[in-house]
């Protein structure tokens, strides 16, 4: 007798704006994968992955955070900021226990829809090339790597990424409209 195992489909996320009380949970999502970055990140950039109290206060004011819940259970977060014609995904994180269930794709689809409704030309993000779990997911989703050189990354779109750049990170773009 042959048994075929079928991967169960992950529940659809409900994605809602975060409130200030959600920032502890969001910080936990980000910290849950900090050790994944430690082997290749510059030590000065680890603060963006080992986020603390100051980070929560500053970033809640500067970004639109959203929380994704599967069957009512919080599983991940995504943040958006808007610079010119582009939405910037500063954080897209899943609790490490929920990686590989398609939730990251659902969060990115949500971000693209928010950006599209706001009339943005595209969605951008930066990622380290050794974070292959992330870069593979971004490329599979449809992002294109458009810059690897630090000078190009920080100069893109009037230089808004200068404040967000981490050593070695590359720039990815998901176009929402055809270039004119």
Protein backbone atom coordinates (compact mmCIF):
# COMPACT_ATOMS: atom_id res chain seq x y z
CA UNK A 1 0.00 0.00 0.00
CA UNK A 2 1.35 3.42 -0.99
CA UNK A 3 0.73 6.52 1.08
CA UNK A 4 1.07 9.95 -0.46
CA UNK A 5 1.81 12.78 1.91
CA UNK A 6 0.38 16.10 0.91
CA UNK A 7 1.74 19.26 2.46
CA UNK A 8 -1.06 20.97 4.33
CA UNK A 9 -1.81 24.44 3.08
CA UNK A 10 -0.94 27.14 5.58
CA UNK A 11 -3.82 29.30 6.77
CA UNK A 12 -4.31 32.63 5.05
CA UNK A 13 -2.89 35.49 7.09
CA UNK A 14 -5.01 38.22 8.48
CA UNK A 15 -2.80 41.33 8.28
CA UNK A 16 -3.62 44.39 10.36
CA UNK A 17 -1.84 47.61 11.32
CA UNK A 18 0.25 47.21 14.46
CA UNK A 19 -0.33 49.37 17.49
CA UNK A 20 2.29 50.46 20.01
CA UNK A 21 1.51 47.47 22.25
CA UNK A 22 2.46 45.12 19.37
CA UNK A 23 6.05 46.40 19.28
CA UNK A 24 7.24 43.95 21.97
CA UNK A 25 5.99 41.06 19.85
CA UNK A 26 7.44 42.58 16.66
CA UNK A 27 10.81 42.96 18.37
CA UNK A 28 10.60 39.28 19.37
CA UNK A 29 9.99 38.30 15.71
CA UNK A 30 13.09 40.23 14.65
CA UNK A 31 15.26 38.91 17.48
CA UNK A 32 14.16 35.31 16.80
CA UNK A 33 16.43 35.20 13.72
CA UNK A 34 19.27 37.49 14.86
CA UNK A 35 21.63 34.54 15.28
CA UNK A 36 21.10 33.64 11.62
CA UNK A 37 22.76 36.97 10.68
CA UNK A 38 25.59 36.95 13.23
CA UNK A 39 28.09 34.89 11.15
CA UNK A 40 28.26 37.44 8.33
CA UNK A 41 26.94 40.81 9.52
CA UNK A 42 29.21 43.61 10.58
CA UNK A 43 28.95 43.81 14.38
CA UNK A 44 27.79 47.45 14.22
CA UNK A 45 24.73 46.33 12.22
CA UNK A 46 23.60 43.64 14.68
CA UNK A 47 21.61 46.28 16.60
CA UNK A 48 19.08 46.18 13.72
CA UNK A 49 18.54 42.48 14.51
CA UNK A 50 18.91 42.49 18.30
CA UNK A 51 16.40 45.28 18.69
CA UNK A 52 15.77 46.86 22.09
CA UNK A 53 13.54 49.40 23.80
CA UNK A 54 14.90 52.45 21.98
CA UNK A 55 14.42 50.69 18.65
CA UNK A 56 10.73 50.07 19.43
CA UNK A 57 10.04 53.72 20.26
CA UNK A 58 11.92 55.17 17.29
CA UNK A 59 10.66 52.71 14.70
CA UNK A 60 7.01 52.74 15.70
CA UNK A 61 7.05 56.48 14.90
CA UNK A 62 8.94 56.20 11.60
CA UNK A 63 7.38 53.10 9.98
CA UNK A 64 3.97 51.60 9.31
CA UNK A 65 4.13 48.17 10.94
CA UNK A 66 1.66 45.39 10.25
CA UNK A 67 1.17 42.07 12.05
CA UNK A 68 0.25 38.86 10.26
CA UNK A 69 -1.84 36.33 12.15
CA UNK A 70 -2.59 32.76 11.07
CA UNK A 71 -5.71 31.35 12.70
CA UNK A 72 -5.42 34.17 15.25
CA UNK A 73 -1.79 33.39 16.13
CA UNK A 74 0.73 36.18 15.43
CA UNK A 75 3.39 34.78 13.06
CA UNK A 76 5.14 37.75 11.47
CA UNK A 77 5.47 41.41 10.68
CA UNK A 78 6.22 43.75 7.82
CA UNK A 79 7.00 47.46 7.87
CA UNK A 80 6.58 50.07 5.17
CA UNK A 81 7.84 53.59 4.60
CA UNK A 82 7.28 55.78 1.57
CA UNK A 83 10.03 57.66 -0.24
CA UNK A 84 9.12 59.39 -3.47
CA UNK A 85 7.57 56.81 -5.78
CA UNK A 86 8.67 53.78 -3.77
CA UNK A 87 7.53 51.88 -0.72
CA UNK A 88 10.43 50.60 1.38
CA UNK A 89 10.11 47.31 3.25
CA UNK A 90 12.40 47.84 6.21
CA UNK A 91 11.41 44.70 8.09
CA UNK A 92 9.73 41.53 6.93
CA UNK A 93 10.16 38.93 9.63
CA UNK A 94 8.47 35.76 10.68
CA UNK A 95 8.83 34.10 14.02
CA UNK A 96 11.49 31.49 13.30
CA UNK A 97 8.97 28.72 14.13
CA UNK A 98 6.77 29.84 11.23
CA UNK A 99 9.34 30.13 8.42
CA UNK A 100 8.59 28.06 5.32
CA UNK A 101 4.80 28.20 5.44
CA UNK A 102 4.23 30.86 2.76
CA UNK A 103 3.59 33.63 5.28
CA UNK A 104 6.48 35.75 4.01
CA UNK A 105 4.95 35.69 0.51
CA UNK A 106 1.61 36.76 1.95
CA UNK A 107 3.26 39.67 3.80
CA UNK A 108 5.09 40.78 0.64
CA UNK A 109 1.88 40.53 -1.42
CA UNK A 110 0.17 42.70 1.18
CA UNK A 111 3.00 45.28 1.00
CA UNK A 112 2.77 45.39 -2.80
CA UNK A 113 -0.99 45.95 -2.61
CA UNK A 114 -0.62 48.76 -0.06
CA UNK A 115 2.02 50.39 -2.28
CA UNK A 116 -0.11 49.95 -5.40
CA UNK A 117 -3.11 51.58 -3.69
CA UNK A 118 -0.88 54.51 -2.73
CA UNK A 119 0.19 54.93 -6.36
CA UNK A 120 3.80 53.84 -5.81
CA UNK A 121 5.95 52.71 -8.77
CA UNK A 122 7.49 49.87 -6.81
CA UNK A 123 8.52 48.25 -3.56
CA UNK A 124 12.18 48.10 -2.54
CA UNK A 125 14.22 46.49 0.20
CA UNK A 126 17.81 45.73 1.06
CA UNK A 127 19.19 42.32 1.98
CA UNK A 128 22.56 40.72 2.64
CA UNK A 129 23.62 38.23 -0.06
CA UNK A 130 24.56 35.64 2.58
CA UNK A 131 21.01 35.74 3.95
CA UNK A 132 20.13 33.26 1.22
CA UNK A 133 16.83 32.26 2.87
CA UNK A 134 15.71 35.87 2.35
CA UNK A 135 17.27 36.66 -1.03
CA UNK A 136 15.90 33.44 -2.60
CA UNK A 137 12.42 34.30 -1.33
CA UNK A 138 12.63 37.87 -2.67
CA UNK A 139 13.79 36.72 -6.11
CA UNK A 140 11.11 34.01 -6.22
CA UNK A 141 8.48 36.62 -5.33
CA UNK A 142 9.63 38.78 -8.27
CA UNK A 143 12.07 41.27 -6.78
CA UNK A 144 15.09 42.09 -8.95
CA UNK A 145 18.52 42.82 -7.53
CA UNK A 146 19.36 46.26 -8.92
CA UNK A 147 22.48 47.28 -6.98
CA UNK A 148 25.24 45.57 -5.01
CA UNK A 149 27.76 48.38 -4.68
CA UNK A 150 27.32 50.42 -1.48
CA UNK A 151 27.58 53.74 -3.32
CA UNK A 152 24.83 52.71 -5.76
CA UNK A 153 22.58 51.37 -3.01
CA UNK A 154 22.78 54.48 -0.82
CA UNK A 155 22.47 56.89 -3.78
CA UNK A 156 19.38 55.24 -5.27
CA UNK A 157 16.13 57.27 -5.25
CA UNK A 158 17.70 60.46 -3.90
CA UNK A 159 19.71 58.62 -1.24
CA UNK A 160 16.95 57.75 1.23
CA UNK A 161 18.62 54.39 2.00
CA UNK A 162 21.73 56.02 3.47
CA UNK A 163 20.17 55.95 6.95
CA UNK A 164 19.10 52.29 6.59
CA UNK A 165 22.10 50.73 4.87
CA UNK A 166 23.90 47.82 6.54
CA UNK A 167 27.38 46.78 5.35
CA UNK A 168 27.29 44.45 2.36
CA UNK A 169 23.55 44.76 1.75
CA UNK A 170 22.17 44.81 -1.78
CA UNK A 171 19.15 46.63 -3.21
CA UNK A 172 16.12 44.76 -4.53
CA UNK A 173 13.16 46.25 -6.41
CA UNK A 174 9.70 44.89 -7.11
CA UNK A 175 8.23 47.09 -9.86
CA UNK A 176 4.52 47.83 -9.71
CA UNK A 177 4.36 49.77 -12.96
CA UNK A 178 6.26 49.54 -16.22
CA UNK A 179 9.11 52.05 -16.54
CA UNK A 180 8.23 54.92 -18.86
